[in-house]
Amino acid sequence: MDSGIGLLAATAAVRRLRPDADLVLSLDPAGMPWGPRTPEDLTARAVAVAEAAAALGPDALIVGCNTATVHALTTLRDRLEPDLPVIGTVPAIKPAAAGGGPVAIWATPATTGSPYQQGLIRDFADGVPVTEVPCWGLAEAVEHADQAAIDEAVTAAAGLTPDDVTTVVLGCTHYELVADRIRAAVQRPDRPPLVLHGSAGAVAAQALRRLGARPEPETAATGTVTVLLNGQEGTLPAPALAYAEGRLLEAVTPAR
């Protein structure tokens, strides 16, 4: 679940680990973006999207959105667990800091500076210099596959990123869809190769662990993909096919 196509990164990661998994993608196109909303409004929308997915009886629910994890994860777990395990998406600050830094965390304005993110920095950065970078408009631009707007937002965020940064945490799942463009904008010619840390792979692996399931990437079975748009069955939004993750899902099994 997510406000929009930011869930593609984690969904594609699950698909690669378990091609046989039946997938339900629950989106909120009527409410996207969630970032500018109040925590209360965002939580209400996240609950509606989650309950629409839960009605189909999934084995687990991945909150494929950092901002929703920040503001709504506790509420979602209170409502749905233990019957439905809920897996949040946490910015990969701990593994990023392990590299020694300096680190920049690119995130939505709603997540940047939030007590939740500040707590992760305090708990896991272990003294490594961390710069929080608000990425105004980037999630929205990615959502609509607006190439000019993506370039503008990435350039603006790169301008807020210190020159000595060696590692960037992609603190919004939408950003993982344009990781190569972020790398190109931040990489300095006189610096070592920039390291990017997303969350999709770790989230997918955690979902399997919660279910006691093993990765089986070579399975011959192919799972289905069901797309819910504000609770109604639909198809992948057209902009999703601008990204490799969206094309993977369409190529493996057409969304229905």
Protein backbone atom coordinates (compact mmCIF):
# COMPACT_ATOMS: atom_id res chain seq x y z
CA MET A 1 0.00 0.00 0.00
CA ASP A 2 1.03 3.57 -0.71
CA SER A 3 -0.46 6.83 -1.85
CA GLY A 4 0.75 6.03 -5.36
CA ILE A 5 3.37 4.22 -7.39
CA GLY A 6 6.09 4.55 -4.76
CA LEU A 7 5.08 1.01 -3.79
CA LEU A 8 6.54 -0.27 -7.07
CA ALA A 9 10.05 -0.60 -5.63
CA ALA A 10 9.05 -2.93 -2.79
CA THR A 11 6.53 -4.75 -4.98
CA ALA A 12 9.17 -5.48 -7.62
CA ALA A 13 11.54 -6.66 -4.87
CA VAL A 14 8.90 -9.11 -3.62
CA ARG A 15 8.26 -10.25 -7.19
CA ARG A 16 11.97 -11.00 -7.69
CA LEU A 17 12.15 -12.99 -4.44
CA ARG A 18 8.86 -14.82 -4.93
CA PRO A 19 7.58 -14.75 -8.53
CA ASP A 20 4.77 -17.05 -7.40
CA ALA A 21 3.33 -14.56 -4.91
CA ASP A 22 -0.11 -13.13 -5.62
CA LEU A 23 0.23 -9.38 -5.18
CA VAL A 24 -2.33 -6.76 -4.24
CA LEU A 25 -1.33 -3.13 -4.86
CA SER A 26 -3.57 -0.70 -2.97
CA LEU A 27 -3.18 2.96 -3.97
CA ASP A 28 -4.82 6.29 -3.10
CA PRO A 29 -4.80 8.33 -6.33
CA ALA A 30 -7.59 10.56 -5.03
CA GLY A 31 -5.45 11.52 -2.02
CA MET A 32 -1.97 11.57 -3.47
CA PRO A 33 0.36 13.12 -2.34
CA TRP A 34 0.25 12.22 1.33
CA GLY A 35 3.32 14.24 2.27
CA PRO A 36 1.65 17.67 2.65
CA ARG A 37 -1.30 16.26 4.65
CA THR A 38 -1.69 16.52 8.40
CA PRO A 39 -0.71 13.37 10.32
CA GLU A 40 -4.37 12.79 11.19
CA ASP A 41 -5.56 13.11 7.58
CA LEU A 42 -2.71 10.98 6.27
CA THR A 43 -3.44 8.28 8.84
CA ALA A 44 -7.11 8.19 7.91
CA ARG A 45 -6.27 7.77 4.23
CA ALA A 46 -3.65 5.12 4.98
CA VAL A 47 -6.17 3.16 7.05
CA ALA A 48 -8.69 3.26 4.19
CA VAL A 49 -6.12 2.03 1.68
CA ALA A 50 -4.90 -0.69 4.05
CA GLU A 51 -8.38 -1.93 4.87
CA ALA A 52 -9.22 -2.14 1.16
CA ALA A 53 -6.24 -4.45 0.72
CA ALA A 54 -6.97 -6.37 3.91
CA ALA A 55 -10.46 -7.18 2.64
CA LEU A 56 -8.85 -9.46 0.03
CA GLY A 57 -7.25 -11.59 2.74
CA PRO A 58 -3.51 -11.10 2.12
CA ASP A 59 -0.87 -12.88 4.20
CA ALA A 60 0.97 -9.63 4.98
CA LEU A 61 0.68 -5.91 4.38
CA ILE A 62 3.69 -3.85 3.33
CA VAL A 63 3.39 -0.13 4.00
CA GLY A 64 5.40 0.88 0.94
CA CYS A 65 5.69 4.51 2.01
CA ASN A 66 8.10 6.15 4.43
CA THR A 67 5.75 9.01 5.27
CA ALA A 68 2.87 6.63 6.06
CA THR A 69 5.20 4.54 8.19
CA VAL A 70 6.21 7.64 10.14
CA HIS A 71 2.65 8.73 10.88
CA ALA A 72 0.35 5.72 10.53
CA LEU A 73 2.25 2.50 11.29
CA THR A 74 1.18 2.29 14.94
CA THR A 75 -2.47 2.82 14.03
CA LEU A 76 -2.31 0.25 11.24
CA ARG A 77 -0.73 -2.34 13.52
CA ASP A 78 -3.28 -1.67 16.25
CA ARG A 79 -6.11 -2.27 13.76
CA LEU A 80 -4.75 -5.19 11.75
CA GLU A 81 -2.29 -7.21 13.82
CA PRO A 82 -1.92 -9.96 14.86
CA ASP A 83 -4.20 -11.36 12.14
CA LEU A 84 -2.39 -9.43 9.40
CA PRO A 85 1.34 -8.70 9.85
CA VAL A 86 2.14 -5.10 8.93
CA ILE A 87 5.64 -4.30 7.67
CA GLY A 88 6.73 -0.67 7.62
CA THR A 89 9.31 1.04 5.44
CA VAL A 90 12.13 2.61 7.45
CA PRO A 91 14.83 4.84 5.91
CA ALA A 92 18.07 2.84 5.65
CA ILE A 93 19.96 5.10 8.03
CA LYS A 94 21.69 2.33 9.98
CA PRO A 95 23.41 0.63 7.02
CA ALA A 96 24.18 4.02 5.48
CA ALA A 97 25.91 5.24 8.65
CA ALA A 98 27.87 2.00 8.87
CA GLY A 99 29.80 3.17 5.83
CA GLY A 100 31.19 6.11 7.76
CA GLY A 101 29.48 8.98 5.99
CA PRO A 102 28.90 11.83 5.67
CA VAL A 103 25.30 10.90 4.90
CA ALA A 104 22.42 12.81 3.35
CA ILE A 105 18.83 11.66 3.84
CA TRP A 106 16.59 12.66 0.96
CA ALA A 107 12.96 12.59 2.13
CA THR A 108 9.63 14.30 1.71
CA PRO A 109 9.20 17.58 3.61
CA ALA A 110 6.75 15.76 5.93
CA THR A 111 9.39 13.21 6.92
CA THR A 112 12.37 15.58 6.98
CA GLY A 113 12.91 16.83 10.50
CA SER A 114 10.14 14.63 11.92
CA PRO A 115 10.62 13.22 15.42
CA TYR A 116 10.56 9.74 13.87
CA GLN A 117 13.45 10.44 11.51
CA GLN A 118 15.31 12.38 14.16
CA GLY A 119 15.02 9.36 16.42
CA LEU A 120 16.46 7.07 13.74
CA ILE A 121 19.39 9.42 13.27
CA ARG A 122 19.98 9.57 17.01
CA ASP A 123 19.74 5.80 17.42
CA PHE A 124 21.61 4.61 14.35
CA ALA A 125 23.87 7.30 12.91
CA ASP A 126 26.40 6.75 15.73
CA GLY A 127 28.08 10.14 15.38
CA VAL A 128 28.26 10.08 11.57
CA PRO A 129 27.46 13.52 10.07
CA VAL A 130 23.91 13.48 8.68
CA THR A 131 22.18 16.14 6.58
CA GLU A 132 18.42 15.98 6.15
CA VAL A 133 17.42 17.10 2.65
CA PRO A 134 13.76 17.99 1.97
CA CYS A 135 12.88 17.08 -1.63
CA TRP A 136 10.11 19.45 -2.57
CA GLY A 137 7.90 18.07 -5.33
CA LEU A 138 10.04 15.05 -6.17
CA ALA A 139 7.55 12.36 -5.12
CA GLU A 140 4.79 14.10 -7.05
CA ALA A 141 6.97 14.42 -10.16
CA VAL A 142 7.90 10.73 -9.99
CA GLU A 143 4.25 9.80 -9.48
CA HIS A 144 3.33 11.47 -12.76
CA ALA A 145 6.53 10.47 -14.59
CA ASP A 146 6.99 14.18 -15.33
CA GLN A 147 10.56 14.10 -16.58
CA ALA A 148 11.17 17.86 -16.50
CA ALA A 149 9.75 18.17 -13.00
CA ILE A 150 11.85 15.20 -11.83
CA ASP A 151 15.00 16.87 -13.14
CA GLU A 152 14.06 20.16 -11.48
CA ALA A 153 13.32 18.57 -8.10
CA VAL A 154 16.43 16.37 -8.17
CA THR A 155 18.60 19.36 -9.07
CA ALA A 156 17.12 21.42 -6.23
CA ALA A 157 17.69 18.65 -3.68
CA ALA A 158 21.22 18.06 -4.97
CA GLY A 159 21.88 21.76 -4.35
CA LEU A 160 21.00 21.22 -0.67
CA THR A 161 23.30 18.19 -0.38
CA PRO A 162 26.79 18.92 0.97
CA ASP A 163 29.65 18.31 -1.46
CA ASP A 164 31.39 15.90 0.91
CA VAL A 165 28.46 13.48 1.18
CA THR A 166 29.48 9.92 0.32
CA THR A 167 26.13 8.22 0.94
CA VAL A 168 22.51 9.15 0.21
CA VAL A 169 19.57 7.48 1.95
CA LEU A 170 16.51 7.41 -0.29
CA GLY A 171 13.98 8.18 2.40
CA CYS A 172 10.92 8.02 0.14
CA THR A 173 10.01 4.96 -1.87
CA HIS A 174 9.22 7.07 -4.94
CA TYR A 175 12.87 8.13 -5.08
CA GLU A 176 14.06 4.57 -5.60
CA LEU A 177 12.42 4.67 -9.04
CA VAL A 178 14.82 7.45 -10.12
CA ALA A 179 17.91 6.35 -8.20
CA ASP A 180 20.19 6.63 -11.23
CA ARG A 181 19.19 10.26 -11.79
CA ILE A 182 19.80 11.07 -8.14
CA ARG A 183 23.22 9.46 -8.31
CA ALA A 184 24.14 11.46 -11.41
CA ALA A 185 23.04 14.73 -9.78
CA VAL A 186 24.91 14.23 -6.49
CA GLN A 187 28.06 12.42 -7.66
CA ARG A 188 31.11 14.71 -7.63
CA PRO A 189 33.83 13.95 -10.20
CA ASP A 190 36.58 14.19 -7.59
CA ARG A 191 34.83 11.94 -5.05
CA PRO A 192 34.53 8.12 -4.72
CA PRO A 193 31.41 6.54 -6.24
CA LEU A 194 28.30 7.65 -4.38
CA VAL A 195 26.51 4.97 -2.35
CA LEU A 196 22.70 4.95 -2.41
CA HIS A 197 20.61 3.14 0.20
CA GLY A 198 16.97 2.33 -0.52
CA SER A 199 14.60 0.21 1.53
CA ALA A 200 12.82 -2.01 -1.00
CA GLY A 201 15.02 -5.07 -0.76
CA ALA A 202 15.12 -5.06 3.03
CA VAL A 203 11.35 -4.54 3.28
CA ALA A 204 10.63 -7.43 0.92
CA ALA A 205 12.98 -9.72 2.84
CA GLN A 206 11.40 -8.69 6.14
CA ALA A 207 7.93 -9.48 4.81
CA LEU A 208 9.04 -13.01 3.94
CA ARG A 209 10.64 -13.43 7.35
CA ARG A 210 7.44 -12.37 9.10
CA LEU A 211 5.63 -15.08 7.16
CA GLY A 212 8.29 -17.72 7.72
CA ALA A 213 8.69 -17.96 3.94
CA ARG A 214 11.87 -18.53 1.98
CA PRO A 215 12.94 -16.71 -1.18
CA GLU A 216 12.36 -18.86 -4.25
CA PRO A 217 13.39 -16.68 -7.19
CA GLU A 218 13.61 -19.66 -9.56
CA THR A 219 10.06 -20.88 -9.03
CA ALA A 220 8.19 -21.67 -12.22
CA ALA A 221 4.87 -20.43 -10.86
CA THR A 222 3.68 -16.91 -11.64
CA GLY A 223 1.49 -14.97 -9.26
CA THR A 224 -1.28 -12.55 -10.10
CA VAL A 225 -1.34 -8.78 -9.66
CA THR A 226 -4.48 -7.02 -8.43
CA VAL A 227 -4.54 -3.22 -8.37
CA LEU A 228 -6.92 -1.31 -6.08
CA LEU A 229 -7.44 2.40 -6.73
CA ASN A 230 -9.23 3.92 -3.74
CA GLY A 231 -10.65 0.48 -3.01
CA GLN A 232 -11.89 -0.20 -6.54
CA GLU A 233 -10.21 -2.75 -8.78
CA GLY A 234 -8.34 -1.12 -11.65
CA THR A 235 -5.05 -1.22 -13.52
CA LEU A 236 -1.55 0.07 -12.92
CA PRO A 237 -1.47 3.83 -13.52
CA ALA A 238 0.11 4.60 -16.89
CA PRO A 239 3.09 6.48 -15.36
CA ALA A 240 4.13 3.25 -13.61
CA LEU A 241 5.26 1.87 -16.95
CA ALA A 242 7.85 4.65 -17.26
CA TYR A 243 9.90 2.75 -14.66
CA ALA A 244 11.64 -0.60 -14.83
CA GLU A 245 9.80 -1.78 -11.70
CA GLY A 246 6.41 -1.13 -13.27
CA ARG A 247 7.39 -2.81 -16.51
CA LEU A 248 8.60 -5.85 -14.56
CA LEU A 249 5.17 -6.29 -12.99
CA GLU A 250 3.40 -5.84 -16.31
CA ALA A 251 5.80 -8.20 -18.09
CA VAL A 252 5.47 -10.98 -15.51
CA THR A 253 1.70 -10.85 -15.32
CA PRO A 254 -0.67 -8.19 -16.65
CA ALA A 255 -2.30 -6.14 -13.91
CA ARG A 256 -6.01 -6.76 -13.69
